[in-house]
Amino acid sequence: MANITRDQVMHVAHLARLAVTEEEADAFANDLDAIINYAEQLNELDTEGVEPTTHVLDLKNIMRDDKAEKWAHRDDALTNAPDKQGGQFKVPSILE
């Protein structure tokens, strides 16, 4: 793979609306080039017969089923509310 150039770093910084000095661009170019070269080493691995995974551990959903339940009293639902008023959750107004 071709090396990352300072001009490419400056171009991406411009697109991202980032202020990057010439010295920072040189440093970022070197750092990004090192990261890409390190990741390129993965292409040397023999992955024939290896099943693709989304996670290194075999995780299962351990959450309980989401079931609607009736509350005995409305005040029970408001027990842990940080702010309440008149039997309802009180939230900051977002409209004028």
PDB file of N, CA and C in Angstrom:
ATOM      1  N   MET A   1       0.855  -1.183   0.000  1.00  0.00           N
ATOM      2  CA  MET A   1       0.000   0.000   0.000  1.00  0.00           C
ATOM      3  C   MET A   1       0.894   1.236   0.000  1.00  0.00           C
ATOM      4  N   ALA A   2       0.436   2.254  -0.677  1.00  0.00           N
ATOM      5  CA  ALA A   2       1.203   3.497  -0.756  1.00  0.00           C
ATOM      6  C   ALA A   2       1.193   4.217   0.588  1.00  0.00           C
ATOM      7  N   ASN A   3       2.236   4.978   0.811  1.00  0.00           N
ATOM      8  CA  ASN A   3       2.332   5.731   2.058  1.00  0.00           C
ATOM      9  C   ASN A   3       1.307   6.854   2.091  1.00  0.00           C
ATOM     10  N   ILE A   4       0.879   7.194   3.299  1.00  0.00           N
ATOM     11  CA  ILE A   4      -0.014   8.334   3.497  1.00  0.00           C
ATOM     12  C   ILE A   4       0.834   9.598   3.415  1.00  0.00           C
ATOM     13  N   THR A   5       0.408  10.532   2.606  1.00  0.00           N
ATOM     14  CA  THR A   5       1.185  11.757   2.433  1.00  0.00           C
ATOM     15  C   THR A   5       0.631  12.888   3.297  1.00  0.00           C
ATOM     16  N   ARG A   6       1.462  13.881   3.496  1.00  0.00           N
ATOM     17  CA  ARG A   6       1.052  15.063   4.252  1.00  0.00           C
ATOM     18  C   ARG A   6      -0.113  15.748   3.547  1.00  0.00           C
ATOM     19  N   ASP A   7      -0.088  15.766   2.213  1.00  0.00           N
ATOM     20  CA  ASP A   7      -1.175  16.392   1.451  1.00  0.00           C
ATOM     21  C   ASP A   7      -2.500  15.669   1.674  1.00  0.00           C
ATOM     22  N   GLN A   8      -2.465  14.348   1.765  1.00  0.00           N
ATOM     23  CA  GLN A   8      -3.684  13.590   2.044  1.00  0.00           C
ATOM     24  C   GLN A   8      -4.216  13.913   3.440  1.00  0.00           C
ATOM     25  N   VAL A   9      -3.315  14.027   4.401  1.00  0.00           N
ATOM     26  CA  VAL A   9      -3.726  14.378   5.761  1.00  0.00           C
ATOM     27  C   VAL A   9      -4.352  15.774   5.770  1.00  0.00           C
ATOM     28  N   MET A  10      -3.743  16.703   5.080  1.00  0.00           N
ATOM     29  CA  MET A  10      -4.269  18.072   5.024  1.00  0.00           C
ATOM     30  C   MET A  10      -5.643  18.093   4.334  1.00  0.00           C
ATOM     31  N   HIS A  11      -5.807  17.280   3.304  1.00  0.00           N
ATOM     32  CA  HIS A  11      -7.085  17.214   2.602  1.00  0.00           C
ATOM     33  C   HIS A  11      -8.184  16.680   3.526  1.00  0.00           C
ATOM     34  N   VAL A  12      -7.907  15.608   4.221  1.00  0.00           N
ATOM     35  CA  VAL A  12      -8.896  15.040   5.150  1.00  0.00           C
ATOM     36  C   VAL A  12      -9.171  16.017   6.286  1.00  0.00           C
ATOM     37  N   ALA A  13      -8.148  16.678   6.783  1.00  0.00           N
ATOM     38  CA  ALA A  13      -8.342  17.669   7.843  1.00  0.00           C
ATOM     39  C   ALA A  13      -9.241  18.797   7.349  1.00  0.00           C
ATOM     40  N   HIS A  14      -9.052  19.222   6.106  1.00  0.00           N
ATOM     41  CA  HIS A  14      -9.904  20.266   5.534  1.00  0.00           C
ATOM     42  C   HIS A  14     -11.354  19.790   5.451  1.00  0.00           C
ATOM     43  N   LEU A  15     -11.565  18.554   4.983  1.00  0.00           N
ATOM     44  CA  LEU A  15     -12.919  18.014   4.878  1.00  0.00           C
ATOM     45  C   LEU A  15     -13.583  17.904   6.249  1.00  0.00           C
ATOM     46  N   ALA A  16     -12.776  17.592   7.281  1.00  0.00           N
ATOM     47  CA  ALA A  16     -13.297  17.453   8.636  1.00  0.00           C
ATOM     48  C   ALA A  16     -13.336  18.780   9.378  1.00  0.00           C
ATOM     49  N   ARG A  17     -12.953  19.843   8.693  1.00  0.00           N
ATOM     50  CA  ARG A  17     -12.929  21.189   9.294  1.00  0.00           C
ATOM     51  C   ARG A  17     -12.028  21.230  10.528  1.00  0.00           C
ATOM     52  N   LEU A  18     -10.843  20.609  10.411  1.00  0.00           N
ATOM     53  CA  LEU A  18      -9.862  20.592  11.481  1.00  0.00           C
ATOM     54  C   LEU A  18      -8.691  21.494  11.124  1.00  0.00           C
ATOM     55  N   ALA A  19      -8.236  22.258  12.078  1.00  0.00           N
ATOM     56  CA  ALA A  19      -7.061  23.095  11.871  1.00  0.00           C
ATOM     57  C   ALA A  19      -5.830  22.260  12.212  1.00  0.00           C
ATOM     58  N   VAL A  20      -5.026  21.949  11.210  1.00  0.00           N
ATOM     59  CA  VAL A  20      -3.840  21.110  11.390  1.00  0.00           C
ATOM     60  C   VAL A  20      -2.645  21.869  10.835  1.00  0.00           C
ATOM     61  N   THR A  21      -1.594  21.970  11.650  1.00  0.00           N
ATOM     62  CA  THR A  21      -0.377  22.631  11.186  1.00  0.00           C
ATOM     63  C   THR A  21       0.414  21.682  10.296  1.00  0.00           C
ATOM     64  N   GLU A  22       1.394  22.240   9.591  1.00  0.00           N
ATOM     65  CA  GLU A  22       2.238  21.412   8.716  1.00  0.00           C
ATOM     66  C   GLU A  22       2.985  20.355   9.525  1.00  0.00           C
ATOM     67  N   GLU A  23       3.464  20.743  10.709  1.00  0.00           N
ATOM     68  CA  GLU A  23       4.190  19.793  11.564  1.00  0.00           C
ATOM     69  C   GLU A  23       3.266  18.669  12.036  1.00  0.00           C
ATOM     70  N   GLU A  24       2.033  19.037  12.417  1.00  0.00           N
ATOM     71  CA  GLU A  24       1.069  18.019  12.844  1.00  0.00           C
ATOM     72  C   GLU A  24       0.715  17.098  11.685  1.00  0.00           C
ATOM     73  N   ALA A  25       0.581  17.658  10.490  1.00  0.00           N
ATOM     74  CA  ALA A  25       0.256  16.845   9.319  1.00  0.00           C
ATOM     75  C   ALA A  25       1.356  15.829   9.049  1.00  0.00           C
ATOM     76  N   ASP A  26       2.607  16.251   9.174  1.00  0.00           N
ATOM     77  CA  ASP A  26       3.720  15.309   8.998  1.00  0.00           C
ATOM     78  C   ASP A  26       3.674  14.203  10.041  1.00  0.00           C
ATOM     79  N   ALA A  27       3.410  14.588  11.294  1.00  0.00           N
ATOM     80  CA  ALA A  27       3.346  13.592  12.376  1.00  0.00           C
ATOM     81  C   ALA A  27       2.177  12.638  12.155  1.00  0.00           C
ATOM     82  N   PHE A  28       1.013  13.183  11.769  1.00  0.00           N
ATOM     83  CA  PHE A  28      -0.152  12.333  11.527  1.00  0.00           C
ATOM     84  C   PHE A  28       0.096  11.401  10.347  1.00  0.00           C
ATOM     85  N   ALA A  29       0.745  11.893   9.325  1.00  0.00           N
ATOM     86  CA  ALA A  29       1.047  11.054   8.157  1.00  0.00           C
ATOM     87  C   ALA A  29       1.913   9.879   8.572  1.00  0.00           C
ATOM     88  N   ASN A  30       2.935  10.138   9.393  1.00  0.00           N
ATOM     89  CA  ASN A  30       3.800   9.050   9.872  1.00  0.00           C
ATOM     90  C   ASN A  30       3.021   8.073  10.738  1.00  0.00           C
ATOM     91  N   ASP A  31       2.184   8.612  11.652  1.00  0.00           N
ATOM     92  CA  ASP A  31       1.409   7.742  12.546  1.00  0.00           C
ATOM     93  C   ASP A  31       0.409   6.897  11.764  1.00  0.00           C
ATOM     94  N   LEU A  32      -0.308   7.511  10.841  1.00  0.00           N
ATOM     95  CA  LEU A  32      -1.294   6.772  10.057  1.00  0.00           C
ATOM     96  C   LEU A  32      -0.625   5.726   9.170  1.00  0.00           C
ATOM     97  N   ASP A  33       0.516   6.065   8.623  1.00  0.00           N
ATOM     98  CA  ASP A  33       1.257   5.109   7.804  1.00  0.00           C
ATOM     99  C   ASP A  33       1.675   3.902   8.639  1.00  0.00           C
ATOM    100  N   ALA A  34       2.134   4.144   9.868  1.00  0.00           N
ATOM    101  CA  ALA A  34       2.523   3.040  10.750  1.00  0.00           C
ATOM    102  C   ALA A  34       1.325   2.160  11.098  1.00  0.00           C
ATOM    103  N   ILE A  35       0.171   2.783  11.336  1.00  0.00           N
ATOM    104  CA  ILE A  35      -1.037   2.020  11.666  1.00  0.00           C
ATOM    105  C   ILE A  35      -1.458   1.157  10.486  1.00  0.00           C
ATOM    106  N   ILE A  36      -1.447   1.740   9.293  1.00  0.00           N
ATOM    107  CA  ILE A  36      -1.859   0.984   8.106  1.00  0.00           C
ATOM    108  C   ILE A  36      -0.882  -0.157   7.831  1.00  0.00           C
ATOM    109  N   ASN A  37       0.409   0.099   7.968  1.00  0.00           N
ATOM    110  CA  ASN A  37       1.397  -0.971   7.763  1.00  0.00           C
ATOM    111  C   ASN A  37       1.214  -2.089   8.775  1.00  0.00           C
ATOM    112  N   TYR A  38       0.885  -1.751  10.005  1.00  0.00           N
ATOM    113  CA  TYR A  38       0.645  -2.772  11.031  1.00  0.00           C
ATOM    114  C   TYR A  38      -0.596  -3.593  10.669  1.00  0.00           C
ATOM    115  N   ALA A  39      -1.662  -2.914  10.228  1.00  0.00           N
ATOM    116  CA  ALA A  39      -2.884  -3.624   9.864  1.00  0.00           C
ATOM    117  C   ALA A  39      -2.684  -4.485   8.619  1.00  0.00           C
ATOM    118  N   GLU A  40      -1.808  -4.060   7.723  1.00  0.00           N
ATOM    119  CA  GLU A  40      -1.529  -4.830   6.506  1.00  0.00           C
ATOM    120  C   GLU A  40      -0.923  -6.199   6.822  1.00  0.00           C
ATOM    121  N   GLN A  41      -0.320  -6.344   7.981  1.00  0.00           N
ATOM    122  CA  GLN A  41       0.248  -7.628   8.377  1.00  0.00           C
ATOM    123  C   GLN A  41      -0.821  -8.704   8.467  1.00  0.00           C
ATOM    124  N   LEU A  42      -2.068  -8.299   8.696  1.00  0.00           N
ATOM    125  CA  LEU A  42      -3.155  -9.272   8.777  1.00  0.00           C
ATOM    126  C   LEU A  42      -3.372  -9.983   7.447  1.00  0.00           C
ATOM    127  N   ASN A  43      -3.007  -9.340   6.343  1.00  0.00           N
ATOM    128  CA  ASN A  43      -3.157  -9.967   5.031  1.00  0.00           C
ATOM    129  C   ASN A  43      -2.214 -11.153   4.859  1.00  0.00           C
ATOM    130  N   GLU A  44      -1.186 -11.254   5.691  1.00  0.00           N
ATOM    131  CA  GLU A  44      -0.231 -12.347   5.588  1.00  0.00           C
ATOM    132  C   GLU A  44      -0.715 -13.611   6.298  1.00  0.00           C
ATOM    133  N   LEU A  45      -1.780 -13.486   7.096  1.00  0.00           N
ATOM    134  CA  LEU A  45      -2.290 -14.637   7.833  1.00  0.00           C
ATOM    135  C   LEU A  45      -3.084 -15.558   6.927  1.00  0.00           C
ATOM    136  N   ASP A  46      -2.955 -16.869   7.188  1.00  0.00           N
ATOM    137  CA  ASP A  46      -3.743 -17.859   6.460  1.00  0.00           C
ATOM    138  C   ASP A  46      -5.079 -18.014   7.184  1.00  0.00           C
ATOM    139  N   THR A  47      -6.138 -17.516   6.569  1.00  0.00           N
ATOM    140  CA  THR A  47      -7.464 -17.578   7.187  1.00  0.00           C
ATOM    141  C   THR A  47      -8.370 -18.579   6.476  1.00  0.00           C
ATOM    142  N   GLU A  48      -7.787 -19.443   5.690  1.00  0.00           N
ATOM    143  CA  GLU A  48      -8.554 -20.465   4.987  1.00  0.00           C
ATOM    144  C   GLU A  48      -9.217 -21.390   6.003  1.00  0.00           C
ATOM    145  N   GLY A  49     -10.528 -21.550   5.898  1.00  0.00           N
ATOM    146  CA  GLY A  49     -11.260 -22.443   6.799  1.00  0.00           C
ATOM    147  C   GLY A  49     -11.652 -21.807   8.123  1.00  0.00           C
ATOM    148  N   VAL A  50     -11.341 -20.544   8.324  1.00  0.00           N
ATOM    149  CA  VAL A  50     -11.710 -19.852   9.556  1.00  0.00           C
ATOM    150  C   VAL A  50     -13.033 -19.141   9.328  1.00  0.00           C
ATOM    151  N   GLU A  51     -14.017 -19.462  10.176  1.00  0.00           N
ATOM    152  CA  GLU A  51     -15.329 -18.839  10.019  1.00  0.00           C
ATOM    153  C   GLU A  51     -15.286 -17.386  10.458  1.00  0.00           C
ATOM    154  N   PRO A  52     -15.937 -16.506   9.703  1.00  0.00           N
ATOM    155  CA  PRO A  52     -15.988 -15.095  10.117  1.00  0.00           C
ATOM    156  C   PRO A  52     -16.802 -14.951  11.403  1.00  0.00           C
ATOM    157  N   THR A  53     -16.382 -14.017  12.243  1.00  0.00           N
ATOM    158  CA  THR A  53     -17.097 -13.762  13.491  1.00  0.00           C
ATOM    159  C   THR A  53     -17.300 -12.257  13.640  1.00  0.00           C
ATOM    160  N   THR A  54     -18.257 -11.908  14.471  1.00  0.00           N
ATOM    161  CA  THR A  54     -18.467 -10.500  14.774  1.00  0.00           C
ATOM    162  C   THR A  54     -17.871 -10.140  16.114  1.00  0.00           C
ATOM    163  N   HIS A  55     -17.500 -11.151  16.886  1.00  0.00           N
ATOM    164  CA  HIS A  55     -16.934 -10.925  18.213  1.00  0.00           C
ATOM    165  C   HIS A  55     -16.037 -12.103  18.552  1.00  0.00           C
ATOM    166  N   VAL A  56     -14.989 -11.857  19.302  1.00  0.00           N
ATOM    167  CA  VAL A  56     -14.055 -12.933  19.621  1.00  0.00           C
ATOM    168  C   VAL A  56     -14.642 -13.931  20.610  1.00  0.00           C
ATOM    169  N   LEU A  57     -15.629 -13.526  21.382  1.00  0.00           N
ATOM    170  CA  LEU A  57     -16.278 -14.414  22.339  1.00  0.00           C
ATOM    171  C   LEU A  57     -17.657 -14.798  21.832  1.00  0.00           C
ATOM    172  N   ASP A  58     -18.080 -16.002  22.164  1.00  0.00           N
ATOM    173  CA  ASP A  58     -19.401 -16.465  21.771  1.00  0.00           C
ATOM    174  C   ASP A  58     -20.420 -15.926  22.766  1.00  0.00           C
ATOM    175  N   LEU A  59     -20.932 -14.731  22.487  1.00  0.00           N
ATOM    176  CA  LEU A  59     -21.857 -14.078  23.407  1.00  0.00           C
ATOM    177  C   LEU A  59     -23.290 -14.441  23.074  1.00  0.00           C
ATOM    178  N   LYS A  60     -24.078 -14.593  24.116  1.00  0.00           N
ATOM    179  CA  LYS A  60     -25.505 -14.841  23.970  1.00  0.00           C
ATOM    180  C   LYS A  60     -26.245 -13.700  24.632  1.00  0.00           C
ATOM    181  N   ASN A  61     -27.457 -13.455  24.182  1.00  0.00           N
ATOM    182  CA  ASN A  61     -28.279 -12.422  24.792  1.00  0.00           C
ATOM    183  C   ASN A  61     -28.717 -12.907  26.176  1.00  0.00           C
ATOM    184  N   ILE A  62     -28.275 -12.202  27.202  1.00  0.00           N
ATOM    185  CA  ILE A  62     -28.588 -12.616  28.565  1.00  0.00           C
ATOM    186  C   ILE A  62     -29.651 -11.720  29.188  1.00  0.00           C
ATOM    187  N   MET A  63     -30.278 -10.897  28.359  1.00  0.00           N
ATOM    188  CA  MET A  63     -31.301  -9.995  28.863  1.00  0.00           C
ATOM    189  C   MET A  63     -32.613 -10.743  29.025  1.00  0.00           C
ATOM    190  N   ARG A  64     -33.406 -10.278  29.963  1.00  0.00           N
ATOM    191  CA  ARG A  64     -34.722 -10.874  30.159  1.00  0.00           C
ATOM    192  C   ARG A  64     -35.650 -10.410  29.041  1.00  0.00           C
ATOM    193  N   ASP A  65     -36.736 -11.120  28.867  1.00  0.00           N
ATOM    194  CA  ASP A  65     -37.735 -10.697  27.891  1.00  0.00           C
ATOM    195  C   ASP A  65     -38.353  -9.385  28.336  1.00  0.00           C
ATOM    196  N   ASP A  66     -38.622  -8.527  27.383  1.00  0.00           N
ATOM    197  CA  ASP A  66     -39.229  -7.240  27.675  1.00  0.00           C
ATOM    198  C   ASP A  66     -40.744  -7.420  27.679  1.00  0.00           C
ATOM    199  N   LYS A  67     -41.303  -7.462  28.880  1.00  0.00           N
ATOM    200  CA  LYS A  67     -42.742  -7.669  29.018  1.00  0.00           C
ATOM    201  C   LYS A  67     -43.363  -6.449  29.675  1.00  0.00           C
ATOM    202  N   ALA A  68     -44.488  -6.030  29.128  1.00  0.00           N
ATOM    203  CA  ALA A  68     -45.218  -4.919  29.732  1.00  0.00           C
ATOM    204  C   ALA A  68     -45.893  -5.411  31.002  1.00  0.00           C
ATOM    205  N   GLU A  69     -45.760  -4.638  32.065  1.00  0.00           N
ATOM    206  CA  GLU A  69     -46.384  -4.984  33.339  1.00  0.00           C
ATOM    207  C   GLU A  69     -47.189  -3.800  33.829  1.00  0.00           C
ATOM    208  N   LYS A  70     -48.251  -4.090  34.521  1.00  0.00           N
ATOM    209  CA  LYS A  70     -49.059  -3.024  35.098  1.00  0.00           C
ATOM    210  C   LYS A  70     -48.484  -2.651  36.453  1.00  0.00           C
ATOM    211  N   TRP A  71     -48.508  -1.381  36.725  1.00  0.00           N
ATOM    212  CA  TRP A  71     -48.069  -0.897  38.025  1.00  0.00           C
ATOM    213  C   TRP A  71     -49.269  -0.861  38.956  1.00  0.00           C
ATOM    214  N   ALA A  72     -49.029  -1.208  40.199  1.00  0.00           N
ATOM    215  CA  ALA A  72     -50.116  -1.174  41.171  1.00  0.00           C
ATOM    216  C   ALA A  72     -50.560   0.266  41.407  1.00  0.00           C
ATOM    217  N   HIS A  73     -49.590   1.155  41.492  1.00  0.00           N
ATOM    218  CA  HIS A  73     -49.887   2.567  41.712  1.00  0.00           C
ATOM    219  C   HIS A  73     -48.973   3.410  40.835  1.00  0.00           C
ATOM    220  N   ARG A  74     -49.480   4.537  40.389  1.00  0.00           N
ATOM    221  CA  ARG A  74     -48.686   5.436  39.559  1.00  0.00           C
ATOM    222  C   ARG A  74     -47.460   5.918  40.328  1.00  0.00           C
ATOM    223  N   ASP A  75     -47.585   6.117  41.614  1.00  0.00           N
ATOM    224  CA  ASP A  75     -46.450   6.594  42.411  1.00  0.00           C
ATOM    225  C   ASP A  75     -45.292   5.604  42.415  1.00  0.00           C
ATOM    226  N   ASP A  76     -45.587   4.306  42.227  1.00  0.00           N
ATOM    227  CA  ASP A  76     -44.503   3.309  42.162  1.00  0.00           C
ATOM    228  C   ASP A  76     -43.613   3.562  40.946  1.00  0.00           C
ATOM    229  N   ALA A  77     -44.207   3.962  39.835  1.00  0.00           N
ATOM    230  CA  ALA A  77     -43.431   4.230  38.626  1.00  0.00           C
ATOM    231  C   ALA A  77     -42.567   5.471  38.786  1.00  0.00           C
ATOM    232  N   LEU A  78     -42.994   6.389  39.642  1.00  0.00           N
ATOM    233  CA  LEU A  78     -42.270   7.642  39.837  1.00  0.00           C
ATOM    234  C   LEU A  78     -41.280   7.589  40.990  1.00  0.00           C
ATOM    235  N   THR A  79     -41.137   6.445  41.607  1.00  0.00           N
ATOM    236  CA  THR A  79     -40.294   6.326  42.793  1.00  0.00           C
ATOM    237  C   THR A  79     -38.879   6.836  42.557  1.00  0.00           C
ATOM    238  N   ASN A  80     -38.263   6.447  41.468  1.00  0.00           N
ATOM    239  CA  ASN A  80     -36.866   6.815  41.206  1.00  0.00           C
ATOM    240  C   ASN A  80     -36.721   8.010  40.268  1.00  0.00           C
ATOM    241  N   ALA A  81     -37.816   8.681  39.955  1.00  0.00           N
ATOM    242  CA  ALA A  81     -37.748   9.836  39.050  1.00  0.00           C
ATOM    243  C   ALA A  81     -36.963  10.964  39.714  1.00  0.00           C
ATOM    244  N   PRO A  82     -36.025  11.586  38.978  1.00  0.00           N
ATOM    245  CA  PRO A  82     -35.250  12.677  39.574  1.00  0.00           C
ATOM    246  C   PRO A  82     -36.108  13.905  39.877  1.00  0.00           C
ATOM    247  N   ASP A  83     -37.161  14.102  39.088  1.00  0.00           N
ATOM    248  CA  ASP A  83     -38.042  15.251  39.320  1.00  0.00           C
ATOM    249  C   ASP A  83     -39.440  14.858  38.871  1.00  0.00           C
ATOM    250  N   LYS A  84     -40.431  15.135  39.681  1.00  0.00           N
ATOM    251  CA  LYS A  84     -41.814  14.796  39.356  1.00  0.00           C
ATOM    252  C   LYS A  84     -42.724  15.902  39.855  1.00  0.00           C
ATOM    253  N   GLN A  85     -43.884  16.003  39.221  1.00  0.00           N
ATOM    254  CA  GLN A  85     -44.841  17.037  39.608  1.00  0.00           C
ATOM    255  C   GLN A  85     -46.235  16.566  39.206  1.00  0.00           C
ATOM    256  N   GLY A  86     -47.153  16.605  40.106  1.00  0.00           N
ATOM    257  CA  GLY A  86     -48.537  16.257  39.817  1.00  0.00           C
ATOM    258  C   GLY A  86     -48.721  14.844  39.318  1.00  0.00           C
ATOM    259  N   GLY A  87     -47.916  13.885  39.820  1.00  0.00           N
ATOM    260  CA  GLY A  87     -48.042  12.495  39.407  1.00  0.00           C
ATOM    261  C   GLY A  87     -47.463  12.210  38.031  1.00  0.00           C
ATOM    262  N   GLN A  88     -46.594  13.102  37.526  1.00  0.00           N
ATOM    263  CA  GLN A  88     -45.973  12.904  36.221  1.00  0.00           C
ATOM    264  C   GLN A  88     -44.480  13.202  36.308  1.00  0.00           C
ATOM    265  N   PHE A  89     -43.736  12.640  35.348  1.00  0.00           N
ATOM    266  CA  PHE A  89     -42.318  12.964  35.245  1.00  0.00           C
ATOM    267  C   PHE A  89     -42.192  14.424  34.846  1.00  0.00           C
ATOM    268  N   LYS A  90     -41.314  15.164  35.499  1.00  0.00           N
ATOM    269  CA  LYS A  90     -41.083  16.563  35.141  1.00  0.00           C
ATOM    270  C   LYS A  90     -39.744  16.643  34.405  1.00  0.00           C
ATOM    271  N   VAL A  91     -39.800  17.193  33.189  1.00  0.00           N
ATOM    272  CA  VAL A  91     -38.596  17.333  32.367  1.00  0.00           C
ATOM    273  C   VAL A  91     -38.438  18.783  31.966  1.00  0.00           C
ATOM    274  N   PRO A  92     -37.213  19.194  31.619  1.00  0.00           N
ATOM    275  CA  PRO A  92     -37.026  20.580  31.180  1.00  0.00           C
ATOM    276  C   PRO A  92     -37.784  20.852  29.890  1.00  0.00           C
ATOM    277  N   SER A  93     -38.307  22.045  29.769  1.00  0.00           N
ATOM    278  CA  SER A  93     -39.014  22.427  28.552  1.00  0.00           C
ATOM    279  C   SER A  93     -38.020  22.639  27.424  1.00  0.00           C
ATOM    280  N   ILE A  94     -38.367  22.140  26.245  1.00  0.00           N
ATOM    281  CA  ILE A  94     -37.487  22.324  25.087  1.00  0.00           C
ATOM    282  C   ILE A  94     -38.108  23.260  24.060  1.00  0.00           C
ATOM    283  N   LEU A  95     -39.337  23.680  24.299  1.00  0.00           N
ATOM    284  CA  LEU A  95     -40.027  24.592  23.394  1.00  0.00           C
ATOM    285  C   LEU A  95     -40.192  25.937  24.080  1.00  0.00           C
ATOM    286  N   GLU A  96     -40.209  26.963  23.282  1.00  0.00           N
ATOM    287  CA  GLU A  96     -40.384  28.308  23.831  1.00  0.00           C
ATOM    288  C   GLU A  96     -41.843  28.592  24.094  1.00  0.00           C
TER     289      GLU A  96
END
